[in-house]
Amino acid sequence: MMASVLKWIVPWEFSWVFLLAFVACGALYLRGSRRLPVSLGRRLAFWIGMAMIYVSLHTYLDFFFEHEFFMHRIQQIVLHHLAPLLIVASYPGTVLRKGLPLAWRLRLLKPLSRSWPWRAASAVLLNPTVVTILFVAFILLWLIPAMQTLAMLDWRIYRFMNWSMLASGFSYWWLVLDHRPRPPGRMTPGLRVLSPGLTMTPQILAGAIVTFSKTDLYPIFEICGRAFTFNVITAQLVGGVIMWVPAAIIESIGGLLAMRQWLRLSRSGRIRRKPWPARRAATAIPVQD
């Protein structure tokens, strides 16, 4: 019994980088949650999201993700959509910062946030247009059969694929679920609500193409050896549906959470609006004599 349980816990491909980053993040959150009042719902969202990331990247399930197309699509949906959405929805930033020693926050974190390299990098990497394009681009990029083949044949590209999906998911949902008005937020509250509807459209189209394809688009899974004895086209159909329906549902939930924040900001009067007469004057066409 113990051996069968350990089989699923032991990672298919061990990574010290992932393990150390995961433990450090968890330790910071534990330390910060002891210093700040954090609701049970936020804690659950954070730890469920963290557990999803660990299970997706550092357990024996990774074997099935590498050897079956529809299982691989489940992994990518979790890394790109569900886990980042849950963690960002728990708003862990303040808790993680509080988990750092005070000296580190004063001598390292604060000067870093004010340095020009950090500002320049964040201006590009957290730009709403750049983040949105990368969020969609990484989904479509790794769906290209040639790119999927490269990722499955080279463990370095495979890890880069997983990390790119995770990083782009965190960046995107951090912008969409920002609880602040703009500024200092980088997107307007209305655009945060609209954005998931825009980003899900190409994903739905790509999922439909994979779902209704009558040929094997990803023979690399046959070459590497499939984990299950499913019919190839059936497994591909299931994978297409996974990236079509569940992904759209998760993005819709993200849009609803963004709308909740929009309504909260509106009720509290934190959304800046020009007075109606000023707006009319600004848009009026001057009449010349």
Foldseek 3Di string as FASTA:
>chain_A
DVVVVVQFQAFPDDDPVVVVVLVLQVQLLVQLCVVDPADPQLVVLQVVLSVLLCSLGGTPLVVQLLQFLLSVLVSLCSQQFRSLLSNVVSVCPNSSLSSDPPCCCVPPVVVLCVDPVNVVVCCQCLQQVNLLCLSLCLVVVCVQQVNVLVLSVDVVSVVVSSVSSNVSNNSNLNLLLPLAAPVVRNDHLVCSLCSLVVSLVVQQVVLVCQQPDPDQRHCSSVVVHHPDPDDRNVSSNSSSVSSNPVSSVSSNVSSVSSVVSVVVCVVVVRHDDDDPVVVCVVPDDDDDD
